[in-house]
Amino acid sequence: MKIKVEREKIVLAVKKLEGIELVLDDSDDAREAIELILRKTELFEGDHYQKLKDVTVTSIQEYKTSAVDYKLMFLLEFVFEDDVTLDTKAGFIKNLQGFFNKL
């Protein structure tokens, strides 16, 4: 399962949780930030987070009106253990999106 998250949302989340204002230039930076967010957020202390094997982060640019006007987005792909149900996966992703939407 995959979701898109704006760079600004990730930066704001880390600032809120750690007091650090990061600069995210690429997917490696974003992956470290996502790992920090997942470790520091109490939403993910339950079974959902424990069954997550990996998060793949890919950088994408969404162009609004021209090549100059774009947003840097990160595509997060969540890889869970084989025995995880679809409802569990959806619950984890819903919690994470809810966290980012509250920022």
PDB file of N, CA and C in Angstrom:
ATOM      1  N   MET A   1       0.842  -1.171   0.000  1.00  0.00           N
ATOM      2  CA  MET A   1       0.000   0.000   0.000  1.00  0.00           C
ATOM      3  C   MET A   1       0.889   1.236   0.000  1.00  0.00           C
ATOM      4  N   LYS A   2       0.438   2.268  -0.707  1.00  0.00           N
ATOM      5  CA  LYS A   2       1.230   3.485  -0.852  1.00  0.00           C
ATOM      6  C   LYS A   2       0.380   4.714  -0.553  1.00  0.00           C
ATOM      7  N   ILE A   3       1.043   5.746  -0.047  1.00  0.00           N
ATOM      8  CA  ILE A   3       0.406   7.059   0.127  1.00  0.00           C
ATOM      9  C   ILE A   3       1.400   8.132  -0.308  1.00  0.00           C
ATOM     10  N   LYS A   4       0.873   9.329  -0.604  1.00  0.00           N
ATOM     11  CA  LYS A   4       1.714  10.490  -0.907  1.00  0.00           C
ATOM     12  C   LYS A   4       1.665  11.449   0.267  1.00  0.00           C
ATOM     13  N   VAL A   5       2.820  12.005   0.599  1.00  0.00           N
ATOM     14  CA  VAL A   5       2.917  12.981   1.679  1.00  0.00           C
ATOM     15  C   VAL A   5       3.765  14.142   1.193  1.00  0.00           C
ATOM     16  N   GLU A   6       3.284  15.365   1.414  1.00  0.00           N
ATOM     17  CA  GLU A   6       4.033  16.554   1.014  1.00  0.00           C
ATOM     18  C   GLU A   6       5.272  16.717   1.889  1.00  0.00           C
ATOM     19  N   ARG A   7       6.315  17.231   1.292  1.00  0.00           N
ATOM     20  CA  ARG A   7       7.565  17.479   2.014  1.00  0.00           C
ATOM     21  C   ARG A   7       7.302  18.345   3.251  1.00  0.00           C
ATOM     22  N   GLU A   8       6.492  19.374   3.107  1.00  0.00           N
ATOM     23  CA  GLU A   8       6.228  20.298   4.210  1.00  0.00           C
ATOM     24  C   GLU A   8       5.591  19.602   5.404  1.00  0.00           C
ATOM     25  N   LYS A   9       4.739  18.608   5.148  1.00  0.00           N
ATOM     26  CA  LYS A   9       4.083  17.870   6.241  1.00  0.00           C
ATOM     27  C   LYS A   9       5.105  17.058   7.026  1.00  0.00           C
ATOM     28  N   ILE A  10       6.045  16.456   6.331  1.00  0.00           N
ATOM     29  CA  ILE A  10       7.082  15.673   7.004  1.00  0.00           C
ATOM     30  C   ILE A  10       7.973  16.593   7.828  1.00  0.00           C
ATOM     31  N   VAL A  11       8.371  17.726   7.256  1.00  0.00           N
ATOM     32  CA  VAL A  11       9.207  18.694   7.967  1.00  0.00           C
ATOM     33  C   VAL A  11       8.486  19.198   9.218  1.00  0.00           C
ATOM     34  N   LEU A  12       7.212  19.523   9.084  1.00  0.00           N
ATOM     35  CA  LEU A  12       6.421  20.019  10.216  1.00  0.00           C
ATOM     36  C   LEU A  12       6.283  18.957  11.303  1.00  0.00           C
ATOM     37  N   ALA A  13       6.096  17.701  10.913  1.00  0.00           N
ATOM     38  CA  ALA A  13       5.962  16.620  11.892  1.00  0.00           C
ATOM     39  C   ALA A  13       7.238  16.452  12.705  1.00  0.00           C
ATOM     40  N   VAL A  14       8.388  16.474  12.049  1.00  0.00           N
ATOM     41  CA  VAL A  14       9.653  16.330  12.765  1.00  0.00           C
ATOM     42  C   VAL A  14       9.890  17.535  13.669  1.00  0.00           C
ATOM     43  N   LYS A  15       9.544  18.716  13.187  1.00  0.00           N
ATOM     44  CA  LYS A  15       9.704  19.918  14.019  1.00  0.00           C
ATOM     45  C   LYS A  15       8.831  19.824  15.269  1.00  0.00           C
ATOM     46  N   LYS A  16       7.617  19.344  15.093  1.00  0.00           N
ATOM     47  CA  LYS A  16       6.689  19.222  16.219  1.00  0.00           C
ATOM     48  C   LYS A  16       7.156  18.154  17.210  1.00  0.00           C
ATOM     49  N   LEU A  17       7.651  17.037  16.712  1.00  0.00           N
ATOM     50  CA  LEU A  17       8.049  15.931  17.581  1.00  0.00           C
ATOM     51  C   LEU A  17       9.424  16.103  18.208  1.00  0.00           C
ATOM     52  N   GLU A  18      10.364  16.676  17.451  1.00  0.00           N
ATOM     53  CA  GLU A  18      11.755  16.743  17.897  1.00  0.00           C
ATOM     54  C   GLU A  18      12.286  18.160  18.072  1.00  0.00           C
ATOM     55  N   GLY A  19      11.586  19.150  17.526  1.00  0.00           N
ATOM     56  CA  GLY A  19      12.079  20.514  17.586  1.00  0.00           C
ATOM     57  C   GLY A  19      13.175  20.794  16.575  1.00  0.00           C
ATOM     58  N   ILE A  20      13.286  19.941  15.563  1.00  0.00           N
ATOM     59  CA  ILE A  20      14.313  20.072  14.535  1.00  0.00           C
ATOM     60  C   ILE A  20      13.641  20.433  13.219  1.00  0.00           C
ATOM     61  N   GLU A  21      14.148  21.481  12.562  1.00  0.00           N
ATOM     62  CA  GLU A  21      13.627  21.835  11.249  1.00  0.00           C
ATOM     63  C   GLU A  21      14.554  21.259  10.184  1.00  0.00           C
ATOM     64  N   LEU A  22      14.116  20.154   9.611  1.00  0.00           N
ATOM     65  CA  LEU A  22      14.927  19.441   8.624  1.00  0.00           C
ATOM     66  C   LEU A  22      14.817  20.057   7.243  1.00  0.00           C
ATOM     67  N   VAL A  23      15.806  19.756   6.424  1.00  0.00           N
ATOM     68  CA  VAL A  23      15.763  20.067   5.000  1.00  0.00           C
ATOM     69  C   VAL A  23      15.707  18.725   4.290  1.00  0.00           C
ATOM     70  N   LEU A  24      14.637  18.498   3.544  1.00  0.00           N
ATOM     71  CA  LEU A  24      14.473  17.241   2.829  1.00  0.00           C
ATOM     72  C   LEU A  24      14.743  17.471   1.357  1.00  0.00           C
ATOM     73  N   ASP A  25      15.891  17.019   0.899  1.00  0.00           N
ATOM     74  CA  ASP A  25      16.272  17.186  -0.499  1.00  0.00           C
ATOM     75  C   ASP A  25      15.940  15.971  -1.353  1.00  0.00           C
ATOM     76  N   ASP A  26      15.924  14.794  -0.722  1.00  0.00           N
ATOM     77  CA  ASP A  26      15.730  13.584  -1.513  1.00  0.00           C
ATOM     78  C   ASP A  26      15.027  12.505  -0.690  1.00  0.00           C
ATOM     79  N   SER A  27      14.849  11.356  -1.302  1.00  0.00           N
ATOM     80  CA  SER A  27      14.121  10.274  -0.652  1.00  0.00           C
ATOM     81  C   SER A  27      14.878   9.698   0.551  1.00  0.00           C
ATOM     82  N   ASP A  28      16.197   9.758   0.544  1.00  0.00           N
ATOM     83  CA  ASP A  28      16.967   9.287   1.703  1.00  0.00           C
ATOM     84  C   ASP A  28      16.694  10.153   2.928  1.00  0.00           C
ATOM     85  N   ASP A  29      16.672  11.464   2.730  1.00  0.00           N
ATOM     86  CA  ASP A  29      16.348  12.385   3.822  1.00  0.00           C
ATOM     87  C   ASP A  29      14.937  12.108   4.346  1.00  0.00           C
ATOM     88  N   ALA A  30      14.010  11.917   3.433  1.00  0.00           N
ATOM     89  CA  ALA A  30      12.614  11.686   3.817  1.00  0.00           C
ATOM     90  C   ALA A  30      12.461  10.360   4.551  1.00  0.00           C
ATOM     91  N   ARG A  31      13.194   9.345   4.114  1.00  0.00           N
ATOM     92  CA  ARG A  31      13.114   8.042   4.783  1.00  0.00           C
ATOM     93  C   ARG A  31      13.576   8.149   6.241  1.00  0.00           C
ATOM     94  N   GLU A  32      14.663   8.848   6.471  1.00  0.00           N
ATOM     95  CA  GLU A  32      15.135   9.035   7.846  1.00  0.00           C
ATOM     96  C   GLU A  32      14.107   9.794   8.677  1.00  0.00           C
ATOM     97  N   ALA A  33      13.504  10.803   8.087  1.00  0.00           N
ATOM     98  CA  ALA A  33      12.488  11.582   8.798  1.00  0.00           C
ATOM     99  C   ALA A  33      11.265  10.726   9.116  1.00  0.00           C
ATOM    100  N   ILE A  34      10.829   9.910   8.174  1.00  0.00           N
ATOM    101  CA  ILE A  34       9.674   9.029   8.402  1.00  0.00           C
ATOM    102  C   ILE A  34       9.982   8.027   9.499  1.00  0.00           C
ATOM    103  N   GLU A  35      11.166   7.461   9.493  1.00  0.00           N
ATOM    104  CA  GLU A  35      11.551   6.527  10.551  1.00  0.00           C
ATOM    105  C   GLU A  35      11.532   7.205  11.914  1.00  0.00           C
ATOM    106  N   LEU A  36      12.018   8.440  11.972  1.00  0.00           N
ATOM    107  CA  LEU A  36      11.998   9.201  13.221  1.00  0.00           C
ATOM    108  C   LEU A  36      10.557   9.448  13.667  1.00  0.00           C
ATOM    109  N   ILE A  37       9.698   9.827  12.746  1.00  0.00           N
ATOM    110  CA  ILE A  37       8.291  10.067  13.067  1.00  0.00           C
ATOM    111  C   ILE A  37       7.633   8.799  13.594  1.00  0.00           C
ATOM    112  N   LEU A  38       7.858   7.675  12.932  1.00  0.00           N
ATOM    113  CA  LEU A  38       7.246   6.419  13.356  1.00  0.00           C
ATOM    114  C   LEU A  38       7.724   5.990  14.739  1.00  0.00           C
ATOM    115  N   ARG A  39       8.972   6.254  15.045  1.00  0.00           N
ATOM    116  CA  ARG A  39       9.502   5.874  16.360  1.00  0.00           C
ATOM    117  C   ARG A  39       9.023   6.799  17.478  1.00  0.00           C
ATOM    118  N   LYS A  40       8.774   8.058  17.148  1.00  0.00           N
ATOM    119  CA  LYS A  40       8.438   9.042  18.174  1.00  0.00           C
ATOM    120  C   LYS A  40       6.936   9.234  18.399  1.00  0.00           C
ATOM    121  N   THR A  41       6.110   8.643  17.561  1.00  0.00           N
ATOM    122  CA  THR A  41       4.676   8.865  17.653  1.00  0.00           C
ATOM    123  C   THR A  41       4.013   7.718  18.386  1.00  0.00           C
ATOM    124  N   GLU A  42       3.247   8.049  19.432  1.00  0.00           N
ATOM    125  CA  GLU A  42       2.595   7.014  20.236  1.00  0.00           C
ATOM    126  C   GLU A  42       1.517   6.255  19.463  1.00  0.00           C
ATOM    127  N   LEU A  43       1.058   6.796  18.344  1.00  0.00           N
ATOM    128  CA  LEU A  43       0.069   6.102  17.523  1.00  0.00           C
ATOM    129  C   LEU A  43       0.584   4.763  17.024  1.00  0.00           C
ATOM    130  N   PHE A  44       1.894   4.614  16.917  1.00  0.00           N
ATOM    131  CA  PHE A  44       2.472   3.454  16.270  1.00  0.00           C
ATOM    132  C   PHE A  44       3.157   2.502  17.248  1.00  0.00           C
ATOM    133  N   GLU A  45       2.760   2.561  18.522  1.00  0.00           N
ATOM    134  CA  GLU A  45       3.342   1.649  19.500  1.00  0.00           C
ATOM    135  C   GLU A  45       2.622   0.308  19.525  1.00  0.00           C
ATOM    136  N   GLY A  46       1.498   0.203  18.859  1.00  0.00           N
ATOM    137  CA  GLY A  46       0.702  -1.017  18.892  1.00  0.00           C
ATOM    138  C   GLY A  46       1.131  -2.039  17.861  1.00  0.00           C
ATOM    139  N   ASP A  47       0.226  -2.973  17.597  1.00  0.00           N
ATOM    140  CA  ASP A  47       0.493  -4.081  16.686  1.00  0.00           C
ATOM    141  C   ASP A  47       0.744  -3.627  15.257  1.00  0.00           C
ATOM    142  N   HIS A  48       0.105  -2.530  14.832  1.00  0.00           N
ATOM    143  CA  HIS A  48       0.263  -2.069  13.450  1.00  0.00           C
ATOM    144  C   HIS A  48       1.737  -1.824  13.128  1.00  0.00           C
ATOM    145  N   TYR A  49       2.402  -1.075  13.974  1.00  0.00           N
ATOM    146  CA  TYR A  49       3.796  -0.719  13.723  1.00  0.00           C
ATOM    147  C   TYR A  49       4.701  -1.939  13.826  1.00  0.00           C
ATOM    148  N   GLN A  50       4.388  -2.842  14.752  1.00  0.00           N
ATOM    149  CA  GLN A  50       5.220  -4.028  14.946  1.00  0.00           C
ATOM    150  C   GLN A  50       5.221  -4.939  13.722  1.00  0.00           C
ATOM    151  N   LYS A  51       4.159  -4.911  12.934  1.00  0.00           N
ATOM    152  CA  LYS A  51       4.049  -5.786  11.768  1.00  0.00           C
ATOM    153  C   LYS A  51       4.564  -5.136  10.487  1.00  0.00           C
ATOM    154  N   LEU A  52       5.025  -3.908  10.591  1.00  0.00           N
ATOM    155  CA  LEU A  52       5.594  -3.207   9.449  1.00  0.00           C
ATOM    156  C   LEU A  52       7.041  -3.653   9.260  1.00  0.00           C
ATOM    157  N   LYS A  53       7.357  -4.178   8.082  1.00  0.00           N
ATOM    158  CA  LYS A  53       8.716  -4.648   7.808  1.00  0.00           C
ATOM    159  C   LYS A  53       9.596  -3.539   7.261  1.00  0.00           C
ATOM    160  N   ASP A  54       9.034  -2.696   6.382  1.00  0.00           N
ATOM    161  CA  ASP A  54       9.861  -1.696   5.724  1.00  0.00           C
ATOM    162  C   ASP A  54       8.979  -0.588   5.155  1.00  0.00           C
ATOM    163  N   VAL A  55       9.584   0.568   4.974  1.00  0.00           N
ATOM    164  CA  VAL A  55       8.939   1.689   4.296  1.00  0.00           C
ATOM    165  C   VAL A  55       9.871   2.119   3.172  1.00  0.00           C
ATOM    166  N   THR A  56       9.374   2.064   1.943  1.00  0.00           N
ATOM    167  CA  THR A  56      10.129   2.522   0.792  1.00  0.00           C
ATOM    168  C   THR A  56       9.686   3.940   0.472  1.00  0.00           C
ATOM    169  N   VAL A  57      10.642   4.843   0.316  1.00  0.00           N
ATOM    170  CA  VAL A  57      10.328   6.250   0.069  1.00  0.00           C
ATOM    171  C   VAL A  57      10.868   6.643  -1.307  1.00  0.00           C
ATOM    172  N   THR A  58       9.984   7.213  -2.123  1.00  0.00           N
ATOM    173  CA  THR A  58      10.348   7.667  -3.457  1.00  0.00           C
ATOM    174  C   THR A  58       9.974   9.138  -3.585  1.00  0.00           C
ATOM    175  N   SER A  59      10.864   9.913  -4.132  1.00  0.00           N
ATOM    176  CA  SER A  59      10.630  11.340  -4.343  1.00  0.00           C
ATOM    177  C   SER A  59       9.893  11.546  -5.671  1.00  0.00           C
ATOM    178  N   ILE A  60       8.846  12.366  -5.646  1.00  0.00           N
ATOM    179  CA  ILE A  60       8.124  12.721  -6.871  1.00  0.00           C
ATOM    180  C   ILE A  60       7.827  14.210  -6.858  1.00  0.00           C
ATOM    181  N   GLN A  61       7.707  14.788  -8.044  1.00  0.00           N
ATOM    182  CA  GLN A  61       7.351  16.201  -8.156  1.00  0.00           C
ATOM    183  C   GLN A  61       6.006  16.298  -8.845  1.00  0.00           C
ATOM    184  N   GLU A  62       5.118  17.090  -8.252  1.00  0.00           N
ATOM    185  CA  GLU A  62       3.819  17.337  -8.862  1.00  0.00           C
ATOM    186  C   GLU A  62       3.797  18.768  -9.358  1.00  0.00           C
ATOM    187  N   TYR A  63       3.580  18.914 -10.635  1.00  0.00           N
ATOM    188  CA  TYR A  63       3.575  20.228 -11.262  1.00  0.00           C
ATOM    189  C   TYR A  63       2.155  20.770 -11.302  1.00  0.00           C
ATOM    190  N   LYS A  64       1.983  21.981 -10.795  1.00  0.00           N
ATOM    191  CA  LYS A  64       0.664  22.601 -10.786  1.00  0.00           C
ATOM    192  C   LYS A  64       0.352  23.239 -12.129  1.00  0.00           C
ATOM    193  N   THR A  65       1.109  24.241 -12.514  1.00  0.00           N
ATOM    194  CA  THR A  65       0.804  24.973 -13.747  1.00  0.00           C
ATOM    195  C   THR A  65       1.975  25.053 -14.710  1.00  0.00           C
ATOM    196  N   SER A  66       3.180  24.871 -14.208  1.00  0.00           N
ATOM    197  CA  SER A  66       4.356  24.966 -15.075  1.00  0.00           C
ATOM    198  C   SER A  66       5.500  24.171 -14.461  1.00  0.00           C
ATOM    199  N   ALA A  67       6.584  24.066 -15.176  1.00  0.00           N
ATOM    200  CA  ALA A  67       7.752  23.343 -14.669  1.00  0.00           C
ATOM    201  C   ALA A  67       8.394  24.048 -13.484  1.00  0.00           C
ATOM    202  N   VAL A  68       8.060  25.308 -13.292  1.00  0.00           N
ATOM    203  CA  VAL A  68       8.637  26.081 -12.195  1.00  0.00           C
ATOM    204  C   VAL A  68       7.797  25.950 -10.932  1.00  0.00           C
ATOM    205  N   ASP A  69       6.493  25.768 -11.081  1.00  0.00           N
ATOM    206  CA  ASP A  69       5.571  25.710  -9.955  1.00  0.00           C
ATOM    207  C   ASP A  69       5.259  24.245  -9.628  1.00  0.00           C
ATOM    208  N   TYR A  70       6.008  23.688  -8.661  1.00  0.00           N
ATOM    209  CA  TYR A  70       5.795  22.292  -8.312  1.00  0.00           C
ATOM    210  C   TYR A  70       5.925  22.093  -6.806  1.00  0.00           C
ATOM    211  N   LYS A  71       5.394  20.959  -6.343  1.00  0.00           N
ATOM    212  CA  LYS A  71       5.534  20.545  -4.957  1.00  0.00           C
ATOM    213  C   LYS A  71       6.335  19.255  -4.938  1.00  0.00           C
ATOM    214  N   LEU A  72       7.221  19.167  -3.985  1.00  0.00           N
ATOM    215  CA  LEU A  72       7.966  17.937  -3.803  1.00  0.00           C
ATOM    216  C   LEU A  72       7.154  17.044  -2.878  1.00  0.00           C
ATOM    217  N   MET A  73       6.833  15.876  -3.367  1.00  0.00           N
ATOM    218  CA  MET A  73       6.040  14.902  -2.616  1.00  0.00           C
ATOM    219  C   MET A  73       6.889  13.658  -2.424  1.00  0.00           C
ATOM    220  N   PHE A  74       6.525  12.887  -1.432  1.00  0.00           N
ATOM    221  CA  PHE A  74       7.191  11.619  -1.211  1.00  0.00           C
ATOM    222  C   PHE A  74       6.154  10.515  -1.210  1.00  0.00           C
ATOM    223  N   LEU A  75       6.406   9.510  -1.998  1.00  0.00           N
ATOM    224  CA  LEU A  75       5.548   8.341  -2.081  1.00  0.00           C
ATOM    225  C   LEU A  75       6.079   7.327  -1.075  1.00  0.00           C
ATOM    226  N   LEU A  76       5.238   6.977  -0.106  1.00  0.00           N
ATOM    227  CA  LEU A  76       5.628   6.031   0.931  1.00  0.00           C
ATOM    228  C   LEU A  76       4.955   4.695   0.652  1.00  0.00           C
ATOM    229  N   GLU A  77       5.745   3.665   0.464  1.00  0.00           N
ATOM    230  CA  GLU A  77       5.205   2.325   0.259  1.00  0.00           C
ATOM    231  C   GLU A  77       5.491   1.504   1.506  1.00  0.00           C
ATOM    232  N   PHE A  78       4.442   0.940   2.085  1.00  0.00           N
ATOM    233  CA  PHE A  78       4.553   0.194   3.327  1.00  0.00           C
ATOM    234  C   PHE A  78       4.582  -1.298   3.026  1.00  0.00           C
ATOM    235  N   VAL A  79       5.599  -1.969   3.545  1.00  0.00           N
ATOM    236  CA  VAL A  79       5.754  -3.405   3.355  1.00  0.00           C
ATOM    237  C   VAL A  79       5.523  -4.061   4.719  1.00  0.00           C
ATOM    238  N   PHE A  80       4.480  -4.858   4.798  1.00  0.00           N
ATOM    239  CA  PHE A  80       4.115  -5.530   6.042  1.00  0.00           C
ATOM    240  C   PHE A  80       4.510  -6.995   5.993  1.00  0.00           C
ATOM    241  N   GLU A  81       4.494  -7.640   7.150  1.00  0.00           N
ATOM    242  CA  GLU A  81       4.708  -9.078   7.211  1.00  0.00           C
ATOM    243  C   GLU A  81       3.611  -9.769   6.399  1.00  0.00           C
ATOM    244  N   ASP A  82       3.878 -10.985   5.978  1.00  0.00           N
ATOM    245  CA  ASP A  82       2.954 -11.710   5.106  1.00  0.00           C
ATOM    246  C   ASP A  82       1.597 -11.990   5.737  1.00  0.00           C
ATOM    247  N   ASP A  83       1.545 -12.194   7.036  1.00  0.00           N
ATOM    248  CA  ASP A  83       0.291 -12.580   7.690  1.00  0.00           C
ATOM    249  C   ASP A  83      -0.591 -11.405   8.108  1.00  0.00           C
ATOM    250  N   VAL A  84      -0.246 -10.197   7.726  1.00  0.00           N
ATOM    251  CA  VAL A  84      -1.009  -9.010   8.122  1.00  0.00           C
ATOM    252  C   VAL A  84      -2.254  -8.878   7.246  1.00  0.00           C
ATOM    253  N   THR A  85      -3.387  -8.669   7.896  1.00  0.00           N
ATOM    254  CA  THR A  85      -4.652  -8.542   7.159  1.00  0.00           C
ATOM    255  C   THR A  85      -4.748  -7.179   6.489  1.00  0.00           C
ATOM    256  N   LEU A  86      -5.612  -7.114   5.502  1.00  0.00           N
ATOM    257  CA  LEU A  86      -5.845  -5.853   4.791  1.00  0.00           C
ATOM    258  C   LEU A  86      -6.398  -4.793   5.737  1.00  0.00           C
ATOM    259  N   ASP A  87      -7.247  -5.180   6.677  1.00  0.00           N
ATOM    260  CA  ASP A  87      -7.796  -4.228   7.647  1.00  0.00           C
ATOM    261  C   ASP A  87      -6.715  -3.640   8.547  1.00  0.00           C
ATOM    262  N   THR A  88      -5.753  -4.455   8.929  1.00  0.00           N
ATOM    263  CA  THR A  88      -4.641  -3.976   9.759  1.00  0.00           C
ATOM    264  C   THR A  88      -3.788  -2.987   8.984  1.00  0.00           C
ATOM    265  N   LYS A  89      -3.495  -3.315   7.728  1.00  0.00           N
ATOM    266  CA  LYS A  89      -2.719  -2.406   6.878  1.00  0.00           C
ATOM    267  C   LYS A  89      -3.445  -1.078   6.719  1.00  0.00           C
ATOM    268  N   ALA A  90      -4.732  -1.148   6.417  1.00  0.00           N
ATOM    269  CA  ALA A  90      -5.524   0.068   6.226  1.00  0.00           C
ATOM    270  C   ALA A  90      -5.592   0.887   7.512  1.00  0.00           C
ATOM    271  N   GLY A  91      -5.695   0.224   8.651  1.00  0.00           N
ATOM    272  CA  GLY A  91      -5.736   0.933   9.932  1.00  0.00           C
ATOM    273  C   GLY A  91      -4.451   1.686  10.210  1.00  0.00           C
ATOM    274  N   PHE A  92      -3.328   1.055   9.922  1.00  0.00           N
ATOM    275  CA  PHE A  92      -2.035   1.709  10.111  1.00  0.00           C
ATOM    276  C   PHE A  92      -1.927   2.958   9.240  1.00  0.00           C
ATOM    277  N   ILE A  93      -2.267   2.797   7.966  1.00  0.00           N
ATOM    278  CA  ILE A  93      -2.159   3.916   7.024  1.00  0.00           C
ATOM    279  C   ILE A  93      -3.136   5.028   7.382  1.00  0.00           C
ATOM    280  N   LYS A  94      -4.331   4.659   7.824  1.00  0.00           N
ATOM    281  CA  LYS A  94      -5.319   5.662   8.243  1.00  0.00           C
ATOM    282  C   LYS A  94      -4.804   6.465   9.432  1.00  0.00           C
ATOM    283  N   ASN A  95      -4.181   5.797  10.390  1.00  0.00           N
ATOM    284  CA  ASN A  95      -3.605   6.497  11.544  1.00  0.00           C
ATOM    285  C   ASN A  95      -2.494   7.449  11.118  1.00  0.00           C
ATOM    286  N   LEU A  96      -1.652   7.004  10.209  1.00  0.00           N
ATOM    287  CA  LEU A  96      -0.545   7.851   9.756  1.00  0.00           C
ATOM    288  C   LEU A  96      -1.072   9.064   8.983  1.00  0.00           C
ATOM    289  N   GLN A  97      -2.033   8.858   8.094  1.00  0.00           N
ATOM    290  CA  GLN A  97      -2.605   9.991   7.364  1.00  0.00           C
ATOM    291  C   GLN A  97      -3.323  10.942   8.303  1.00  0.00           C
ATOM    292  N   GLY A  98      -4.004  10.414   9.303  1.00  0.00           N
ATOM    293  CA  GLY A  98      -4.660  11.260  10.297  1.00  0.00           C
ATOM    294  C   GLY A  98      -3.656  12.119  11.057  1.00  0.00           C
ATOM    295  N   PHE A  99      -2.512  11.537  11.382  1.00  0.00           N
ATOM    296  CA  PHE A  99      -1.453  12.286  12.054  1.00  0.00           C
ATOM    297  C   PHE A  99      -0.988  13.457  11.187  1.00  0.00           C
ATOM    298  N   PHE A 100      -0.710  13.186   9.914  1.00  0.00           N
ATOM    299  CA  PHE A 100      -0.248  14.253   9.017  1.00  0.00           C
ATOM    300  C   PHE A 100      -1.331  15.294   8.770  1.00  0.00           C
ATOM    301  N   ASN A 101      -2.588  14.896   8.711  1.00  0.00           N
ATOM    302  CA  ASN A 101      -3.683  15.845   8.475  1.00  0.00           C
ATOM    303  C   ASN A 101      -3.919  16.778   9.658  1.00  0.00           C
ATOM    304  N   LYS A 102      -3.545  16.349  10.865  1.00  0.00           N
ATOM    305  CA  LYS A 102      -3.721  17.185  12.054  1.00  0.00           C
ATOM    306  C   LYS A 102      -2.661  18.286  12.169  1.00  0.00           C
ATOM    307  N   LEU A 103      -1.599  18.187  11.393  1.00  0.00           N
ATOM    308  CA  LEU A 103      -0.504  19.165  11.488  1.00  0.00           C
ATOM    309  C   LEU A 103      -0.897  20.492  10.896  1.00  0.00           C
TER     310      LEU A 103
END
